[in-house]
Amino acid sequence: MLKHLKNVDDKLAKFEMLLCLGLLGTIAVTTVIGVFARYILRSPIIWGVDVTILSLIWLSFLGAGILFRQDGHLAASSLPSMLPKRAGAALKLLSELIIAGTIAITGWFAVTAAIVQNRQFIITLGLPRSVYSMPIVWMSLSMMLVIIIRTATTLGNQSDNRKSL
C-alpha cells in the first residue's frame, strides 16, 4: 500500500512541477502581451491582470506543496537530531501531526470559501471566484498525502528497529 502511495505521490509531484512550469510561462507571456497592448497598441487587455494573478496564486500554492514534499521549508531540525533516536523520531512524528492538523483546517476553510465563492464570478475570465481557493485545497490534499507517506515510513522504520532488537 505504501509503495502504491509513493508511486502516486511521485506522479503527482511531476504533474505539479509541469503545471508550475506552465503557470510561470503563462505569467511571463501574459505580462509581455499586457505591456505590449497597453503601451504600444494603446489598447489594454482587460483579462491580462486576472490571468496573471490567478496563475501566481496557483503557482504559489503548488510551489509550497513541492517545497514541502522536498523538505525545503524552514524547520527546527537540530532538536530531534540531538535527542536519542526514538525520542527524535517521536518529536518529528508529533511535528508532522501538528502540521497535518493545521493543513486539514486550512483545507477545510478553503473548501467552505470555495463553496461561497462558486456563486461569484471573475467577470473578465468568466470563471467562478472559487478558482482562487482551489489551489489551497489542492495544496492541502497534496501535503496530506506527503504526511501520510512520511508518517507511515517513520512508523514502519520504528517497527523494523524494534524487530531487530
Protein backbone atom coordinates (compact mmCIF):
# COMPACT_ATOMS: atom_id res chain seq x y z
CA MET A 1 0.00 0.00 0.00
CA LEU A 2 2.80 2.41 0.93
CA LYS A 3 4.60 1.64 -2.31
CA HIS A 4 1.42 2.49 -4.24
CA LEU A 5 1.04 5.80 -2.35
CA LYS A 6 4.67 6.69 -3.08
CA ASN A 7 4.08 5.94 -6.76
CA VAL A 8 1.01 8.20 -6.79
CA ASP A 9 2.97 10.91 -4.97
CA ASP A 10 5.84 10.70 -7.48
CA LYS A 11 3.45 11.11 -10.41
CA LEU A 12 1.66 13.94 -8.63
CA ALA A 13 4.99 15.67 -7.98
CA LYS A 14 5.90 15.51 -11.67
CA PHE A 15 2.47 16.82 -12.66
CA GLU A 16 2.70 19.69 -10.17
CA MET A 17 6.17 20.62 -11.41
CA LEU A 18 4.96 20.69 -15.03
CA LEU A 19 1.94 22.73 -14.00
CA CYS A 20 4.20 25.23 -12.20
CA LEU A 21 6.35 25.47 -15.30
CA GLY A 22 3.26 26.18 -17.42
CA LEU A 23 1.97 28.75 -14.94
CA LEU A 24 5.32 30.53 -14.86
CA GLY A 25 5.26 30.68 -18.66
CA THR A 26 1.67 31.95 -18.58
CA ILE A 27 2.65 34.74 -16.19
CA ALA A 28 5.56 35.80 -18.39
CA VAL A 29 3.62 35.69 -21.67
CA THR A 30 0.53 37.41 -20.25
CA THR A 31 2.65 40.18 -18.74
CA VAL A 32 4.52 40.79 -22.00
CA ILE A 33 1.27 40.80 -24.00
CA GLY A 34 -0.32 43.16 -21.47
CA VAL A 35 2.57 45.62 -21.61
CA PHE A 36 2.69 45.47 -25.41
CA ALA A 37 -1.07 46.01 -25.74
CA ARG A 38 -1.16 48.86 -23.22
CA TYR A 39 1.89 50.87 -24.25
CA ILE A 40 2.40 50.03 -27.93
CA LEU A 41 -1.15 49.42 -29.17
CA ARG A 42 -2.69 51.82 -26.62
CA SER A 43 -5.47 49.29 -26.04
CA PRO A 44 -5.06 47.36 -22.79
CA ILE A 45 -6.34 43.81 -22.48
CA ILE A 46 -8.79 43.59 -19.61
CA TRP A 47 -8.20 39.95 -18.73
CA GLY A 48 -4.38 40.05 -18.50
CA VAL A 49 -4.12 41.08 -14.86
CA ASP A 50 -6.68 38.48 -13.76
CA VAL A 51 -4.85 35.68 -15.62
CA THR A 52 -1.54 36.77 -14.09
CA ILE A 53 -2.95 36.97 -10.55
CA LEU A 54 -4.71 33.63 -10.86
CA SER A 55 -1.57 32.00 -12.24
CA LEU A 56 0.54 33.49 -9.45
CA ILE A 57 -1.84 32.21 -6.77
CA TRP A 58 -1.81 28.70 -8.24
CA LEU A 59 1.97 28.83 -8.69
CA SER A 60 2.48 29.91 -5.07
CA PHE A 61 0.41 27.13 -3.52
CA LEU A 62 1.62 24.42 -5.88
CA GLY A 63 5.17 25.59 -5.18
CA ALA A 64 4.53 25.41 -1.43
CA GLY A 65 3.42 21.80 -1.86
CA ILE A 66 6.51 20.96 -3.92
CA LEU A 67 8.76 22.62 -1.34
CA PHE A 68 7.05 20.70 1.46
CA ARG A 69 7.47 17.42 -0.41
CA GLN A 70 11.21 18.10 -0.73
CA ASP A 71 11.53 19.10 2.95
CA GLY A 72 12.53 22.60 1.90
CA HIS A 73 10.52 24.62 4.42
CA LEU A 74 12.14 26.11 7.47
CA ALA A 75 12.26 23.63 10.34
CA ALA A 76 13.91 23.31 13.70
CA SER A 77 15.71 20.09 12.85
CA SER A 78 18.53 20.43 15.36
CA LEU A 79 16.46 19.40 18.41
CA PRO A 80 15.31 16.00 17.09
CA SER A 81 18.87 15.21 15.95
CA MET A 82 20.23 15.99 19.46
CA LEU A 83 17.78 13.60 21.15
CA PRO A 84 18.08 9.82 21.28
CA LYS A 85 16.90 8.18 18.05
CA ARG A 86 13.45 7.13 19.34
CA ALA A 87 12.75 10.45 21.06
CA GLY A 88 13.85 12.36 17.94
CA ALA A 89 11.57 10.22 15.77
CA ALA A 90 8.69 10.76 18.22
CA LEU A 91 9.24 14.53 18.17
CA LYS A 92 9.36 14.51 14.34
CA LEU A 93 6.14 12.48 14.28
CA LEU A 94 4.46 14.94 16.66
CA SER A 95 5.59 17.79 14.42
CA GLU A 96 4.12 16.05 11.35
CA LEU A 97 0.81 15.53 13.17
CA ILE A 98 0.61 19.20 14.16
CA ILE A 99 1.35 20.20 10.57
CA ALA A 100 -1.28 17.73 9.35
CA GLY A 101 -3.88 19.26 11.67
CA THR A 102 -3.05 22.76 10.51
CA ILE A 103 -3.19 21.74 6.86
CA ALA A 104 -6.50 19.92 7.37
CA ILE A 105 -8.07 23.01 8.97
CA THR A 106 -6.70 25.27 6.23
CA GLY A 107 -8.02 22.93 3.55
CA TRP A 108 -11.42 22.75 5.21
CA PHE A 109 -11.74 26.53 5.35
CA ALA A 110 -10.64 26.76 1.71
CA VAL A 111 -13.39 24.29 0.72
CA THR A 112 -16.01 26.30 2.59
CA ALA A 113 -14.72 29.51 0.99
CA ALA A 114 -14.82 27.89 -2.45
CA ILE A 115 -18.45 26.91 -1.94
CA VAL A 116 -19.38 30.53 -1.21
CA GLN A 117 -17.14 31.89 -3.98
CA ASN A 118 -18.60 29.49 -6.53
CA ARG A 119 -21.64 31.78 -6.80
CA GLN A 120 -19.47 34.79 -7.70
CA PHE A 121 -17.63 35.22 -10.98
CA ILE A 122 -14.45 36.80 -12.29
CA ILE A 123 -16.13 38.85 -14.99
CA THR A 124 -13.16 39.18 -17.34
CA LEU A 125 -12.49 35.42 -17.37
CA GLY A 126 -16.00 34.07 -16.90
CA LEU A 127 -14.75 31.78 -14.13
CA PRO A 128 -16.17 31.32 -10.65
CA ARG A 129 -14.15 33.02 -7.91
CA SER A 130 -13.66 29.60 -6.33
CA VAL A 131 -10.65 29.15 -8.63
CA TYR A 132 -8.85 31.43 -6.15
CA SER A 133 -9.49 28.97 -3.29
CA MET A 134 -8.95 25.71 -5.16
CA PRO A 135 -5.12 25.87 -5.09
CA ILE A 136 -5.30 25.90 -1.28
CA VAL A 137 -7.45 22.77 -1.36
CA TRP A 138 -5.04 21.15 -3.84
CA MET A 139 -2.04 22.06 -1.68
CA SER A 140 -3.75 20.69 1.42
CA LEU A 141 -4.51 17.35 -0.20
CA SER A 142 -1.03 17.11 -1.71
CA MET A 143 0.67 17.89 1.61
CA MET A 144 -1.59 15.45 3.48
CA LEU A 145 -0.51 12.70 1.10
CA VAL A 146 3.14 13.53 1.82
CA ILE A 147 2.49 13.50 5.58
CA ILE A 148 0.72 10.13 5.36
CA ILE A 149 3.66 8.67 3.45
CA ARG A 150 6.24 10.16 5.85
CA THR A 151 4.34 9.02 8.92
CA ALA A 152 3.84 5.51 7.57
CA THR A 153 7.52 5.33 6.65
CA THR A 154 8.59 6.58 10.10
CA LEU A 155 6.29 4.14 11.88
CA GLY A 156 7.43 1.33 9.61
CA ASN A 157 11.07 2.11 10.35
CA GLN A 158 10.36 2.17 14.09
CA SER A 159 8.70 -1.25 13.97
CA ASP A 160 11.62 -2.61 11.91
CA ASN A 161 14.05 -1.26 14.51
CA ARG A 162 12.09 -2.92 17.33
CA LYS A 163 12.10 -6.27 15.50
CA SER A 164 15.88 -6.11 15.04
CA LEU A 165 16.42 -5.57 18.79
